[in-house]
């Protein structure tokens, strides 16, 4: 977990779930895990993750391989690609959204 006072600029690659509450600028790659953007967090990043949950602000390009969730106080600005998208009432979604369909017979 990265706290509210933390400021990071650069590339982040991880093989575990990440929870951010500070400010991040750069790229974030957690292709087999979940990225959670806390309510106080502000990310200006290109993101690749298995799942993404946003309660704060995320500006950039998001590729969520399984699911994307934008919580009530969350904001997404940019582009989003995910097979499953959940946007809770009160959230702000200002993004181009693509929801690719897995081919028949593809592994889930």
C-alpha atoms as a PDB file:
ATOM      1  CA  UNK A   1       0.000   0.000   0.000  1.00  0.00           C
ATOM      2  CA  UNK A   2       1.255   3.491  -0.885  1.00  0.00           C
ATOM      3  CA  UNK A   3       0.064   6.205   1.538  1.00  0.00           C
ATOM      4  CA  UNK A   4      -1.486   9.626   0.852  1.00  0.00           C
ATOM      5  CA  UNK A   5       1.779  11.567   1.270  1.00  0.00           C
ATOM      6  CA  UNK A   6       3.662   9.393  -1.237  1.00  0.00           C
ATOM      7  CA  UNK A   7       4.529  10.898  -4.654  1.00  0.00           C
ATOM      8  CA  UNK A   8       5.886   8.575  -7.356  1.00  0.00           C
ATOM      9  CA  UNK A   9       7.014   9.438 -10.884  1.00  0.00           C
ATOM     10  CA  UNK A  10       8.065   6.560 -13.158  1.00  0.00           C
ATOM     11  CA  UNK A  11       7.215   2.988 -14.059  1.00  0.00           C
ATOM     12  CA  UNK A  12       5.759   0.518 -11.572  1.00  0.00           C
ATOM     13  CA  UNK A  13       5.740  -3.218 -12.301  1.00  0.00           C
ATOM     14  CA  UNK A  14       4.459  -5.599  -9.636  1.00  0.00           C
ATOM     15  CA  UNK A  15       3.487  -9.228  -9.131  1.00  0.00           C
ATOM     16  CA  UNK A  16       1.045  -8.524  -6.327  1.00  0.00           C
ATOM     17  CA  UNK A  17      -2.083  -6.454  -5.661  1.00  0.00           C
ATOM     18  CA  UNK A  18      -1.397  -2.719  -5.340  1.00  0.00           C
ATOM     19  CA  UNK A  19      -3.323  -0.117  -3.299  1.00  0.00           C
ATOM     20  CA  UNK A  20      -2.450   3.541  -3.924  1.00  0.00           C
ATOM     21  CA  UNK A  21      -3.549   6.508  -1.832  1.00  0.00           C
ATOM     22  CA  UNK A  22      -0.990   9.094  -3.003  1.00  0.00           C
ATOM     23  CA  UNK A  23      -0.008  10.629  -6.338  1.00  0.00           C
ATOM     24  CA  UNK A  24       1.449   8.587  -9.181  1.00  0.00           C
ATOM     25  CA  UNK A  25       2.656   9.758 -12.589  1.00  0.00           C
ATOM     26  CA  UNK A  26       3.892   7.187 -15.133  1.00  0.00           C
ATOM     27  CA  UNK A  27       2.949   3.615 -15.985  1.00  0.00           C
ATOM     28  CA  UNK A  28       1.626   0.819 -13.783  1.00  0.00           C
ATOM     29  CA  UNK A  29       1.704  -2.842 -14.799  1.00  0.00           C
ATOM     30  CA  UNK A  30       0.162  -5.572 -12.622  1.00  0.00           C
ATOM     31  CA  UNK A  31      -1.194  -7.908 -15.328  1.00  0.00           C
ATOM     32  CA  UNK A  32      -2.040 -10.773 -12.963  1.00  0.00           C
ATOM     33  CA  UNK A  33      -3.293  -8.712 -10.028  1.00  0.00           C
ATOM     34  CA  UNK A  34      -5.630  -5.921  -8.880  1.00  0.00           C
ATOM     35  CA  UNK A  35      -4.864  -2.205  -8.788  1.00  0.00           C
ATOM     36  CA  UNK A  36      -6.931  -0.199  -6.291  1.00  0.00           C
ATOM     37  CA  UNK A  37      -6.942   3.596  -6.487  1.00  0.00           C
ATOM     38  CA  UNK A  38      -7.963   4.899  -3.059  1.00  0.00           C
ATOM     39  CA  UNK A  39     -10.337   7.831  -2.492  1.00  0.00           C
ATOM     40  CA  UNK A  40      -7.501  10.315  -1.841  1.00  0.00           C
ATOM     41  CA  UNK A  41      -5.326   9.089  -4.730  1.00  0.00           C
ATOM     42  CA  UNK A  42      -4.619  10.892  -7.994  1.00  0.00           C
ATOM     43  CA  UNK A  43      -2.988   8.877 -10.765  1.00  0.00           C
ATOM     44  CA  UNK A  44      -1.851  10.215 -14.113  1.00  0.00           C
ATOM     45  CA  UNK A  45      -0.851   6.889 -15.564  1.00  0.00           C
ATOM     46  CA  UNK A  46      -1.220   4.266 -18.217  1.00  0.00           C
ATOM     47  CA  UNK A  47      -2.419   1.132 -16.433  1.00  0.00           C
ATOM     48  CA  UNK A  48      -2.414  -2.571 -17.269  1.00  0.00           C
ATOM     49  CA  UNK A  49      -3.932  -4.845 -14.635  1.00  0.00           C
ATOM     50  CA  UNK A  50      -6.082  -7.929 -14.213  1.00  0.00           C
ATOM     51  CA  UNK A  51      -8.662  -5.826 -12.343  1.00  0.00           C
ATOM     52  CA  UNK A  52      -8.861  -2.100 -11.567  1.00  0.00           C
ATOM     53  CA  UNK A  53     -10.948  -0.464  -8.818  1.00  0.00           C
ATOM     54  CA  UNK A  54     -11.058   3.356  -8.768  1.00  0.00           C
ATOM     55  CA  UNK A  55     -12.339   5.364  -5.804  1.00  0.00           C
ATOM     56  CA  UNK A  56     -10.066   8.377  -6.453  1.00  0.00           C
ATOM     57  CA  UNK A  57      -8.955  10.029  -9.707  1.00  0.00           C
ATOM     58  CA  UNK A  58      -7.305   8.189 -12.591  1.00  0.00           C
ATOM     59  CA  UNK A  59      -6.324  10.049 -15.766  1.00  0.00           C
ATOM     60  CA  UNK A  60      -4.838   7.967 -18.564  1.00  0.00           C
ATOM     61  CA  UNK A  61      -5.217   4.761 -20.526  1.00  0.00           C
ATOM     62  CA  UNK A  62      -6.559   1.717 -18.663  1.00  0.00           C
ATOM     63  CA  UNK A  63      -6.434  -1.910 -19.838  1.00  0.00           C
ATOM     64  CA  UNK A  64      -8.178  -4.186 -17.333  1.00  0.00           C
ATOM     65  CA  UNK A  65      -7.952  -7.792 -18.493  1.00  0.00           C
ATOM     66  CA  UNK A  66     -10.883  -9.063 -16.358  1.00  0.00           C
ATOM     67  CA  UNK A  67     -12.862  -6.164 -14.867  1.00  0.00           C
ATOM     68  CA  UNK A  68     -12.975  -2.437 -14.133  1.00  0.00           C
ATOM     69  CA  UNK A  69     -14.960  -0.836 -11.305  1.00  0.00           C
ATOM     70  CA  UNK A  70     -15.520   2.912 -10.884  1.00  0.00           C
ATOM     71  CA  UNK A  71     -16.835   3.599  -7.392  1.00  0.00           C
ATOM     72  CA  UNK A  72     -19.259   6.394  -6.440  1.00  0.00           C
ATOM     73  CA  UNK A  73     -16.593   8.991  -5.609  1.00  0.00           C
ATOM     74  CA  UNK A  74     -14.230   7.875  -8.400  1.00  0.00           C
ATOM     75  CA  UNK A  75     -13.244   9.611 -11.632  1.00  0.00           C
ATOM     76  CA  UNK A  76     -11.778   8.158 -14.821  1.00  0.00           C
ATOM     77  CA  UNK A  77     -10.597  10.409 -17.652  1.00  0.00           C
ATOM     78  CA  UNK A  78      -8.996   8.901 -20.768  1.00  0.00           C
ATOM     79  CA  UNK A  79      -9.513   5.507 -22.358  1.00  0.00           C
ATOM     80  CA  UNK A  80     -10.731   2.216 -20.927  1.00  0.00           C
ATOM     81  CA  UNK A  81     -10.590  -1.299 -22.310  1.00  0.00           C
ATOM     82  CA  UNK A  82     -12.113  -4.081 -20.201  1.00  0.00           C
ATOM     83  CA  UNK A  83     -14.453  -7.025 -20.836  1.00  0.00           C
ATOM     84  CA  UNK A  84     -16.539  -6.156 -17.741  1.00  0.00           C
ATOM     85  CA  UNK A  85     -17.196  -2.591 -16.544  1.00  0.00           C
ATOM     86  CA  UNK A  86     -19.097  -1.450 -13.451  1.00  0.00           C
ATOM     87  CA  UNK A  87     -19.820   2.252 -12.909  1.00  0.00           C
ATOM     88  CA  UNK A  88     -21.537   3.101  -9.628  1.00  0.00           C
ATOM     89  CA  UNK A  89     -24.003   5.984  -9.466  1.00  0.00           C
ATOM     90  CA  UNK A  90     -22.169   9.213  -8.620  1.00  0.00           C
ATOM     91  CA  UNK A  91     -18.949   8.231 -10.395  1.00  0.00           C
ATOM     92  CA  UNK A  92     -17.504  10.438 -13.139  1.00  0.00           C
ATOM     93  CA  UNK A  93     -16.606   8.627 -16.360  1.00  0.00           C
ATOM     94  CA  UNK A  94     -15.084  10.778 -19.094  1.00  0.00           C
ATOM     95  CA  UNK A  95     -13.473   8.131 -21.258  1.00  0.00           C
ATOM     96  CA  UNK A  96     -13.615   6.272 -24.526  1.00  0.00           C
ATOM     97  CA  UNK A  97     -14.699   2.754 -23.537  1.00  0.00           C
ATOM     98  CA  UNK A  98     -14.077  -0.508 -25.394  1.00  0.00           C
ATOM     99  CA  UNK A  99     -15.440  -3.809 -24.100  1.00  0.00           C
ATOM    100  CA  UNK A 100     -13.837  -6.625 -26.098  1.00  0.00           C
ATOM    101  CA  UNK A 101     -15.626  -9.953 -26.248  1.00  0.00           C
ATOM    102  CA  UNK A 102     -13.601 -13.111 -25.700  1.00  0.00           C
ATOM    103  CA  UNK A 103     -13.897 -15.582 -28.611  1.00  0.00           C
ATOM    104  CA  UNK A 104     -16.100 -18.652 -28.044  1.00  0.00           C
ATOM    105  CA  UNK A 105     -14.130 -21.417 -26.374  1.00  0.00           C
ATOM    106  CA  UNK A 106     -11.514 -19.015 -24.903  1.00  0.00           C
ATOM    107  CA  UNK A 107     -10.317 -19.710 -21.389  1.00  0.00           C
ATOM    108  CA  UNK A 108     -12.077 -17.666 -18.718  1.00  0.00           C
END
